[in-house]
Amino acid sequence: MIRLVDRAFDDVFKGVAQIPVTIANQQKSWQGSLMTFSLVVQMGFISNPISGTVEVTDNEVTLEADVGMLGKLIPTEKIQTALQTRLRGLLA
């Protein structure tokens, strides 16, 4: 399951905001079943750092993210729900 999440994570942020964005400086590291990540979402001249964790168990994948000022434009819960839904779709 960890390998699947690792591969799917690269695509999870693409298209979530439903506006053209570029993903830059993406970093991720695994410690056991917990992945820590960070990246920068660029929308035109605006850059927004995002960081968080993905925890993988036998039955569940839990994503938690600090979406920075992007949360001012789009409710944080909506972003996290969209990311979780997209990650689960990529794993299906």
PDB file of N, CA and C in Angstrom:
ATOM      1  N   MET A   1       0.826  -1.198   0.000  1.00  0.00           N
ATOM      2  CA  MET A   1       0.000   0.000   0.000  1.00  0.00           C
ATOM      3  C   MET A   1       0.869   1.260   0.000  1.00  0.00           C
ATOM      4  N   ILE A   2       1.990   1.226   0.725  1.00  0.00           N
ATOM      5  CA  ILE A   2       2.868   2.400   0.780  1.00  0.00           C
ATOM      6  C   ILE A   2       3.406   2.729  -0.607  1.00  0.00           C
ATOM      7  N   ARG A   3       3.787   1.723  -1.374  1.00  0.00           N
ATOM      8  CA  ARG A   3       4.285   1.978  -2.738  1.00  0.00           C
ATOM      9  C   ARG A   3       3.224   2.629  -3.604  1.00  0.00           C
ATOM     10  N   LEU A   4       1.977   2.171  -3.482  1.00  0.00           N
ATOM     11  CA  LEU A   4       0.888   2.766  -4.256  1.00  0.00           C
ATOM     12  C   LEU A   4       0.698   4.232  -3.891  1.00  0.00           C
ATOM     13  N   VAL A   5       0.698   4.524  -2.607  1.00  0.00           N
ATOM     14  CA  VAL A   5       0.536   5.905  -2.150  1.00  0.00           C
ATOM     15  C   VAL A   5       1.694   6.753  -2.654  1.00  0.00           C
ATOM     16  N   ASP A   6       2.899   6.234  -2.582  1.00  0.00           N
ATOM     17  CA  ASP A   6       4.071   6.971  -3.028  1.00  0.00           C
ATOM     18  C   ASP A   6       3.954   7.353  -4.501  1.00  0.00           C
ATOM     19  N   ARG A   7       3.512   6.419  -5.328  1.00  0.00           N
ATOM     20  CA  ARG A   7       3.352   6.706  -6.761  1.00  0.00           C
ATOM     21  C   ARG A   7       2.175   7.641  -7.024  1.00  0.00           C
ATOM     22  N   ALA A   8       1.062   7.434  -6.320  1.00  0.00           N
ATOM     23  CA  ALA A   8      -0.134   8.248  -6.547  1.00  0.00           C
ATOM     24  C   ALA A   8       0.050   9.679  -6.058  1.00  0.00           C
ATOM     25  N   PHE A   9       0.879   9.871  -5.041  1.00  0.00           N
ATOM     26  CA  PHE A   9       1.036  11.192  -4.454  1.00  0.00           C
ATOM     27  C   PHE A   9       1.527  12.225  -5.459  1.00  0.00           C
ATOM     28  N   ASP A  10       2.347  11.805  -6.388  1.00  0.00           N
ATOM     29  CA  ASP A  10       2.862  12.738  -7.387  1.00  0.00           C
ATOM     30  C   ASP A  10       1.751  13.392  -8.203  1.00  0.00           C
ATOM     31  N   ASP A  11       0.622  12.718  -8.355  1.00  0.00           N
ATOM     32  CA  ASP A  11      -0.483  13.247  -9.155  1.00  0.00           C
ATOM     33  C   ASP A  11      -1.626  13.825  -8.321  1.00  0.00           C
ATOM     34  N   VAL A  12      -1.574  13.684  -7.016  1.00  0.00           N
ATOM     35  CA  VAL A  12      -2.737  14.023  -6.197  1.00  0.00           C
ATOM     36  C   VAL A  12      -3.083  15.511  -6.219  1.00  0.00           C
ATOM     37  N   PHE A  13      -2.109  16.403  -6.359  1.00  0.00           N
ATOM     38  CA  PHE A  13      -2.400  17.829  -6.329  1.00  0.00           C
ATOM     39  C   PHE A  13      -2.797  18.390  -7.685  1.00  0.00           C
ATOM     40  N   LYS A  14      -2.556  17.641  -8.747  1.00  0.00           N
ATOM     41  CA  LYS A  14      -2.880  18.132 -10.083  1.00  0.00           C
ATOM     42  C   LYS A  14      -4.390  18.183 -10.279  1.00  0.00           C
ATOM     43  N   GLY A  15      -4.904  19.342 -10.612  1.00  0.00           N
ATOM     44  CA  GLY A  15      -6.318  19.490 -10.915  1.00  0.00           C
ATOM     45  C   GLY A  15      -7.228  19.647  -9.719  1.00  0.00           C
ATOM     46  N   VAL A  16      -6.699  19.603  -8.494  1.00  0.00           N
ATOM     47  CA  VAL A  16      -7.559  19.711  -7.320  1.00  0.00           C
ATOM     48  C   VAL A  16      -8.161  21.098  -7.201  1.00  0.00           C
ATOM     49  N   ALA A  17      -7.361  22.129  -7.422  1.00  0.00           N
ATOM     50  CA  ALA A  17      -7.847  23.497  -7.267  1.00  0.00           C
ATOM     51  C   ALA A  17      -8.742  23.919  -8.420  1.00  0.00           C
ATOM     52  N   GLN A  18      -8.796  23.149  -9.480  1.00  0.00           N
ATOM     53  CA  GLN A  18      -9.594  23.411 -10.677  1.00  0.00           C
ATOM     54  C   GLN A  18      -9.236  24.740 -11.330  1.00  0.00           C
ATOM     55  N   ILE A  19      -8.006  25.166 -11.099  1.00  0.00           N
ATOM     56  CA  ILE A  19      -7.433  26.312 -11.793  1.00  0.00           C
ATOM     57  C   ILE A  19      -6.027  25.907 -12.189  1.00  0.00           C
ATOM     58  N   PRO A  20      -5.469  26.525 -13.233  1.00  0.00           N
ATOM     59  CA  PRO A  20      -4.123  26.137 -13.661  1.00  0.00           C
ATOM     60  C   PRO A  20      -3.086  26.426 -12.575  1.00  0.00           C
ATOM     61  N   VAL A  21      -2.403  25.403 -12.131  1.00  0.00           N
ATOM     62  CA  VAL A  21      -1.348  25.566 -11.137  1.00  0.00           C
ATOM     63  C   VAL A  21      -0.114  24.785 -11.571  1.00  0.00           C
ATOM     64  N   THR A  22       1.012  25.211 -11.043  1.00  0.00           N
ATOM     65  CA  THR A  22       2.263  24.498 -11.244  1.00  0.00           C
ATOM     66  C   THR A  22       2.744  24.043  -9.877  1.00  0.00           C
ATOM     67  N   ILE A  23       3.211  22.814  -9.795  1.00  0.00           N
ATOM     68  CA  ILE A  23       3.749  22.275  -8.555  1.00  0.00           C
ATOM     69  C   ILE A  23       5.274  22.361  -8.620  1.00  0.00           C
ATOM     70  N   ALA A  24       5.885  22.965  -7.608  1.00  0.00           N
ATOM     71  CA  ALA A  24       7.341  23.122  -7.586  1.00  0.00           C
ATOM     72  C   ALA A  24       7.894  22.668  -6.233  1.00  0.00           C
ATOM     73  N   ASN A  25       9.173  22.386  -6.214  1.00  0.00           N
ATOM     74  CA  ASN A  25       9.892  22.037  -4.982  1.00  0.00           C
ATOM     75  C   ASN A  25       9.213  20.925  -4.185  1.00  0.00           C
ATOM     76  N   GLN A  26       8.691  19.940  -4.879  1.00  0.00           N
ATOM     77  CA  GLN A  26       8.018  18.841  -4.187  1.00  0.00           C
ATOM     78  C   GLN A  26       9.046  17.956  -3.499  1.00  0.00           C
ATOM     79  N   GLN A  27       8.829  17.721  -2.219  1.00  0.00           N
ATOM     80  CA  GLN A  27       9.695  16.848  -1.441  1.00  0.00           C
ATOM     81  C   GLN A  27       8.829  15.911  -0.623  1.00  0.00           C
ATOM     82  N   LYS A  28       9.295  14.688  -0.454  1.00  0.00           N
ATOM     83  CA  LYS A  28       8.583  13.739   0.398  1.00  0.00           C
ATOM     84  C   LYS A  28       9.588  12.776   0.989  1.00  0.00           C
ATOM     85  N   SER A  29       9.296  12.338   2.196  1.00  0.00           N
ATOM     86  CA  SER A  29      10.154  11.344   2.837  1.00  0.00           C
ATOM     87  C   SER A  29       9.276  10.438   3.692  1.00  0.00           C
ATOM     88  N   TRP A  30       9.683   9.194   3.753  1.00  0.00           N
ATOM     89  CA  TRP A  30       8.939   8.179   4.503  1.00  0.00           C
ATOM     90  C   TRP A  30       9.693   7.820   5.769  1.00  0.00           C
ATOM     91  N   GLN A  31       8.946   7.675   6.839  1.00  0.00           N
ATOM     92  CA  GLN A  31       9.459   7.112   8.078  1.00  0.00           C
ATOM     93  C   GLN A  31       8.433   6.078   8.515  1.00  0.00           C
ATOM     94  N   GLY A  32       8.722   4.820   8.205  1.00  0.00           N
ATOM     95  CA  GLY A  32       7.741   3.765   8.449  1.00  0.00           C
ATOM     96  C   GLY A  32       6.550   3.958   7.541  1.00  0.00           C
ATOM     97  N   SER A  33       5.362   4.051   8.125  1.00  0.00           N
ATOM     98  CA  SER A  33       4.137   4.217   7.338  1.00  0.00           C
ATOM     99  C   SER A  33       3.671   5.669   7.266  1.00  0.00           C
ATOM    100  N   LEU A  34       4.531   6.611   7.657  1.00  0.00           N
ATOM    101  CA  LEU A  34       4.182   8.028   7.647  1.00  0.00           C
ATOM    102  C   LEU A  34       5.047   8.771   6.644  1.00  0.00           C
ATOM    103  N   MET A  35       4.386   9.396   5.676  1.00  0.00           N
ATOM    104  CA  MET A  35       5.088  10.216   4.702  1.00  0.00           C
ATOM    105  C   MET A  35       4.912  11.686   5.087  1.00  0.00           C
ATOM    106  N   THR A  36       6.015  12.415   5.126  1.00  0.00           N
ATOM    107  CA  THR A  36       5.993  13.853   5.336  1.00  0.00           C
ATOM    108  C   THR A  36       6.279  14.493   3.982  1.00  0.00           C
ATOM    109  N   PHE A  37       5.513  15.534   3.630  1.00  0.00           N
ATOM    110  CA  PHE A  37       5.691  16.146   2.322  1.00  0.00           C
ATOM    111  C   PHE A  37       5.656  17.661   2.419  1.00  0.00           C
ATOM    112  N   SER A  38       6.211  18.286   1.408  1.00  0.00           N
ATOM    113  CA  SER A  38       6.101  19.731   1.229  1.00  0.00           C
ATOM    114  C   SER A  38       6.223  20.027  -0.255  1.00  0.00           C
ATOM    115  N   LEU A  39       5.599  21.105  -0.666  1.00  0.00           N
ATOM    116  CA  LEU A  39       5.633  21.541  -2.056  1.00  0.00           C
ATOM    117  C   LEU A  39       5.171  22.976  -2.124  1.00  0.00           C
ATOM    118  N   VAL A  40       5.353  23.571  -3.284  1.00  0.00           N
ATOM    119  CA  VAL A  40       4.894  24.935  -3.509  1.00  0.00           C
ATOM    120  C   VAL A  40       3.944  24.908  -4.707  1.00  0.00           C
ATOM    121  N   VAL A  41       2.746  25.440  -4.508  1.00  0.00           N
ATOM    122  CA  VAL A  41       1.769  25.563  -5.590  1.00  0.00           C
ATOM    123  C   VAL A  41       1.910  26.977  -6.140  1.00  0.00           C
ATOM    124  N   GLN A  42       2.152  27.074  -7.437  1.00  0.00           N
ATOM    125  CA  GLN A  42       2.303  28.377  -8.071  1.00  0.00           C
ATOM    126  C   GLN A  42       1.109  28.624  -8.984  1.00  0.00           C
ATOM    127  N   MET A  43       0.453  29.767  -8.735  1.00  0.00           N
ATOM    128  CA  MET A  43      -0.692  30.189  -9.543  1.00  0.00           C
ATOM    129  C   MET A  43      -0.366  31.565 -10.084  1.00  0.00           C
ATOM    130  N   GLY A  44       0.101  31.611 -11.324  1.00  0.00           N
ATOM    131  CA  GLY A  44       0.541  32.891 -11.884  1.00  0.00           C
ATOM    132  C   GLY A  44       1.728  33.405 -11.099  1.00  0.00           C
ATOM    133  N   PHE A  45       1.609  34.604 -10.539  1.00  0.00           N
ATOM    134  CA  PHE A  45       2.710  35.192  -9.776  1.00  0.00           C
ATOM    135  C   PHE A  45       2.624  34.877  -8.284  1.00  0.00           C
ATOM    136  N   ILE A  46       1.634  34.103  -7.867  1.00  0.00           N
ATOM    137  CA  ILE A  46       1.447  33.752  -6.460  1.00  0.00           C
ATOM    138  C   ILE A  46       2.031  32.366  -6.195  1.00  0.00           C
ATOM    139  N   SER A  47       2.817  32.258  -5.130  1.00  0.00           N
ATOM    140  CA  SER A  47       3.356  30.975  -4.686  1.00  0.00           C
ATOM    141  C   SER A  47       2.823  30.672  -3.301  1.00  0.00           C
ATOM    142  N   ASN A  48       2.398  29.438  -3.077  1.00  0.00           N
ATOM    143  CA  ASN A  48       1.820  29.045  -1.805  1.00  0.00           C
ATOM    144  C   ASN A  48       2.420  27.717  -1.346  1.00  0.00           C
ATOM    145  N   PRO A  49       3.144  27.724  -0.208  1.00  0.00           N
ATOM    146  CA  PRO A  49       3.684  26.459   0.294  1.00  0.00           C
ATOM    147  C   PRO A  49       2.587  25.601   0.926  1.00  0.00           C
ATOM    148  N   ILE A  50       2.703  24.306   0.724  1.00  0.00           N
ATOM    149  CA  ILE A  50       1.802  23.322   1.325  1.00  0.00           C
ATOM    150  C   ILE A  50       2.678  22.245   1.946  1.00  0.00           C
ATOM    151  N   SER A  51       2.323  21.819   3.151  1.00  0.00           N
ATOM    152  CA  SER A  51       3.069  20.753   3.802  1.00  0.00           C
ATOM    153  C   SER A  51       2.096  19.886   4.587  1.00  0.00           C
ATOM    154  N   GLY A  52       2.531  18.687   4.905  1.00  0.00           N
ATOM    155  CA  GLY A  52       1.673  17.819   5.678  1.00  0.00           C
ATOM    156  C   GLY A  52       2.192  16.404   5.771  1.00  0.00           C
ATOM    157  N   THR A  53       1.275  15.500   6.108  1.00  0.00           N
ATOM    158  CA  THR A  53       1.611  14.095   6.271  1.00  0.00           C
ATOM    159  C   THR A  53       0.560  13.215   5.615  1.00  0.00           C
ATOM    160  N   VAL A  54       0.989  12.022   5.260  1.00  0.00           N
ATOM    161  CA  VAL A  54       0.085  10.971   4.791  1.00  0.00           C
ATOM    162  C   VAL A  54       0.428   9.736   5.616  1.00  0.00           C
ATOM    163  N   GLU A  55      -0.564   9.221   6.345  1.00  0.00           N
ATOM    164  CA  GLU A  55      -0.359   8.019   7.144  1.00  0.00           C
ATOM    165  C   GLU A  55      -1.071   6.857   6.472  1.00  0.00           C
ATOM    166  N   VAL A  56      -0.353   5.763   6.305  1.00  0.00           N
ATOM    167  CA  VAL A  56      -0.879   4.584   5.627  1.00  0.00           C
ATOM    168  C   VAL A  56      -0.981   3.432   6.617  1.00  0.00           C
ATOM    169  N   THR A  57      -2.182   2.857   6.717  1.00  0.00           N
ATOM    170  CA  THR A  57      -2.363   1.636   7.491  1.00  0.00           C
ATOM    171  C   THR A  57      -2.866   0.563   6.537  1.00  0.00           C
ATOM    172  N   ASP A  58      -3.111  -0.623   7.041  1.00  0.00           N
ATOM    173  CA  ASP A  58      -3.626  -1.702   6.196  1.00  0.00           C
ATOM    174  C   ASP A  58      -4.974  -1.360   5.581  1.00  0.00           C
ATOM    175  N   ASN A  59      -5.780  -0.560   6.290  1.00  0.00           N
ATOM    176  CA  ASN A  59      -7.152  -0.288   5.851  1.00  0.00           C
ATOM    177  C   ASN A  59      -7.432   1.156   5.495  1.00  0.00           C
ATOM    178  N   GLU A  60      -6.478   2.051   5.715  1.00  0.00           N
ATOM    179  CA  GLU A  60      -6.809   3.466   5.604  1.00  0.00           C
ATOM    180  C   GLU A  60      -5.605   4.298   5.172  1.00  0.00           C
ATOM    181  N   VAL A  61      -5.890   5.377   4.479  1.00  0.00           N
ATOM    182  CA  VAL A  61      -4.888   6.386   4.128  1.00  0.00           C
ATOM    183  C   VAL A  61      -5.430   7.712   4.641  1.00  0.00           C
ATOM    184  N   THR A  62      -4.658   8.371   5.523  1.00  0.00           N
ATOM    185  CA  THR A  62      -5.087   9.631   6.109  1.00  0.00           C
ATOM    186  C   THR A  62      -4.136  10.729   5.684  1.00  0.00           C
ATOM    187  N   LEU A  63      -4.672  11.761   5.061  1.00  0.00           N
ATOM    188  CA  LEU A  63      -3.887  12.893   4.595  1.00  0.00           C
ATOM    189  C   LEU A  63      -4.237  14.103   5.435  1.00  0.00           C
ATOM    190  N   GLU A  64      -3.228  14.769   5.965  1.00  0.00           N
ATOM    191  CA  GLU A  64      -3.410  16.033   6.675  1.00  0.00           C
ATOM    192  C   GLU A  64      -2.464  17.036   6.040  1.00  0.00           C
ATOM    193  N   ALA A  65      -2.993  18.225   5.731  1.00  0.00           N
ATOM    194  CA  ALA A  65      -2.167  19.212   5.036  1.00  0.00           C
ATOM    195  C   ALA A  65      -2.423  20.613   5.568  1.00  0.00           C
ATOM    196  N   ASP A  66      -1.353  21.380   5.673  1.00  0.00           N
ATOM    197  CA  ASP A  66      -1.430  22.801   5.952  1.00  0.00           C
ATOM    198  C   ASP A  66      -1.349  23.481   4.595  1.00  0.00           C
ATOM    199  N   VAL A  67      -2.450  24.079   4.161  1.00  0.00           N
ATOM    200  CA  VAL A  67      -2.535  24.622   2.807  1.00  0.00           C
ATOM    201  C   VAL A  67      -2.159  26.101   2.724  1.00  0.00           C
ATOM    202  N   GLY A  68      -1.700  26.665   3.822  1.00  0.00           N
ATOM    203  CA  GLY A  68      -1.240  28.049   3.809  1.00  0.00           C
ATOM    204  C   GLY A  68      -2.331  29.021   3.421  1.00  0.00           C
ATOM    205  N   MET A  69      -1.949  30.070   2.675  1.00  0.00           N
ATOM    206  CA  MET A  69      -2.921  31.109   2.315  1.00  0.00           C
ATOM    207  C   MET A  69      -3.926  30.641   1.265  1.00  0.00           C
ATOM    208  N   LEU A  70      -3.683  29.490   0.660  1.00  0.00           N
ATOM    209  CA  LEU A  70      -4.673  28.921  -0.252  1.00  0.00           C
ATOM    210  C   LEU A  70      -5.984  28.682   0.488  1.00  0.00           C
ATOM    211  N   GLY A  71      -5.877  28.433   1.803  1.00  0.00           N
ATOM    212  CA  GLY A  71      -7.055  28.249   2.644  1.00  0.00           C
ATOM    213  C   GLY A  71      -7.914  29.498   2.780  1.00  0.00           C
ATOM    214  N   LYS A  72      -7.343  30.653   2.456  1.00  0.00           N
ATOM    215  CA  LYS A  72      -8.121  31.902   2.469  1.00  0.00           C
ATOM    216  C   LYS A  72      -9.001  32.019   1.229  1.00  0.00           C
ATOM    217  N   LEU A  73      -8.557  31.393   0.137  1.00  0.00           N
ATOM    218  CA  LEU A  73      -9.306  31.454  -1.120  1.00  0.00           C
ATOM    219  C   LEU A  73     -10.327  30.318  -1.233  1.00  0.00           C
ATOM    220  N   ILE A  74      -9.928  29.158  -0.739  1.00  0.00           N
ATOM    221  CA  ILE A  74     -10.769  27.966  -0.797  1.00  0.00           C
ATOM    222  C   ILE A  74     -10.790  27.392   0.611  1.00  0.00           C
ATOM    223  N   PRO A  75     -11.966  27.073   1.174  1.00  0.00           N
ATOM    224  CA  PRO A  75     -12.007  26.524   2.538  1.00  0.00           C
ATOM    225  C   PRO A  75     -11.087  25.306   2.685  1.00  0.00           C
ATOM    226  N   THR A  76     -10.293  25.302   3.768  1.00  0.00           N
ATOM    227  CA  THR A  76      -9.319  24.246   4.015  1.00  0.00           C
ATOM    228  C   THR A  76      -9.958  22.868   3.998  1.00  0.00           C
ATOM    229  N   GLU A  77     -11.127  22.729   4.621  1.00  0.00           N
ATOM    230  CA  GLU A  77     -11.809  21.427   4.635  1.00  0.00           C
ATOM    231  C   GLU A  77     -12.125  20.955   3.224  1.00  0.00           C
ATOM    232  N   LYS A  78     -12.525  21.870   2.361  1.00  0.00           N
ATOM    233  CA  LYS A  78     -12.840  21.510   0.982  1.00  0.00           C
ATOM    234  C   LYS A  78     -11.587  21.024   0.252  1.00  0.00           C
ATOM    235  N   ILE A  79     -10.455  21.688   0.487  1.00  0.00           N
ATOM    236  CA  ILE A  79      -9.204  21.281  -0.146  1.00  0.00           C
ATOM    237  C   ILE A  79      -8.792  19.901   0.350  1.00  0.00           C
ATOM    238  N   GLN A  80      -8.830  19.696   1.682  1.00  0.00           N
ATOM    239  CA  GLN A  80      -8.415  18.402   2.231  1.00  0.00           C
ATOM    240  C   GLN A  80      -9.336  17.279   1.759  1.00  0.00           C
ATOM    241  N   THR A  81     -10.639  17.536   1.700  1.00  0.00           N
ATOM    242  CA  THR A  81     -11.571  16.527   1.204  1.00  0.00           C
ATOM    243  C   THR A  81     -11.279  16.198  -0.252  1.00  0.00           C
ATOM    244  N   ALA A  82     -11.023  17.228  -1.063  1.00  0.00           N
ATOM    245  CA  ALA A  82     -10.717  17.000  -2.476  1.00  0.00           C
ATOM    246  C   ALA A  82      -9.427  16.198  -2.633  1.00  0.00           C
ATOM    247  N   LEU A  83      -8.403  16.518  -1.823  1.00  0.00           N
ATOM    248  CA  LEU A  83      -7.136  15.789  -1.897  1.00  0.00           C
ATOM    249  C   LEU A  83      -7.316  14.324  -1.482  1.00  0.00           C
ATOM    250  N   GLN A  84      -8.059  14.096  -0.395  1.00  0.00           N
ATOM    251  CA  GLN A  84      -8.297  12.725   0.060  1.00  0.00           C
ATOM    252  C   GLN A  84      -9.084  11.936  -0.979  1.00  0.00           C
ATOM    253  N   THR A  85     -10.106  12.553  -1.552  1.00  0.00           N
ATOM    254  CA  THR A  85     -10.917  11.878  -2.567  1.00  0.00           C
ATOM    255  C   THR A  85     -10.071  11.552  -3.783  1.00  0.00           C
ATOM    256  N   ARG A  86      -9.242  12.490  -4.201  1.00  0.00           N
ATOM    257  CA  ARG A  86      -8.384  12.257  -5.371  1.00  0.00           C
ATOM    258  C   ARG A  86      -7.357  11.156  -5.089  1.00  0.00           C
ATOM    259  N   LEU A  87      -6.761  11.168  -3.891  1.00  0.00           N
ATOM    260  CA  LEU A  87      -5.795  10.141  -3.532  1.00  0.00           C
ATOM    261  C   LEU A  87      -6.442   8.763  -3.516  1.00  0.00           C
ATOM    262  N   ARG A  88      -7.624   8.671  -2.939  1.00  0.00           N
ATOM    263  CA  ARG A  88      -8.332   7.384  -2.917  1.00  0.00           C
ATOM    264  C   ARG A  88      -8.679   6.927  -4.334  1.00  0.00           C
ATOM    265  N   GLY A  89      -9.066   7.869  -5.205  1.00  0.00           N
ATOM    266  CA  GLY A  89      -9.373   7.533  -6.602  1.00  0.00           C
ATOM    267  C   GLY A  89      -8.154   7.029  -7.340  1.00  0.00           C
ATOM    268  N   LEU A  90      -6.999   7.632  -7.072  1.00  0.00           N
ATOM    269  CA  LEU A  90      -5.776   7.189  -7.722  1.00  0.00           C
ATOM    270  C   LEU A  90      -5.337   5.813  -7.231  1.00  0.00           C
ATOM    271  N   LEU A  91      -5.724   5.470  -6.007  1.00  0.00           N
ATOM    272  CA  LEU A  91      -5.347   4.173  -5.433  1.00  0.00           C
ATOM    273  C   LEU A  91      -6.308   3.066  -5.839  1.00  0.00           C
ATOM    274  N   ALA A  92      -7.482   3.424  -6.320  1.00  0.00           N
ATOM    275  CA  ALA A  92      -8.493   2.413  -6.661  1.00  0.00           C
ATOM    276  C   ALA A  92      -8.127   1.625  -7.900  1.00  0.00           C
TER     277      ALA A  92
END
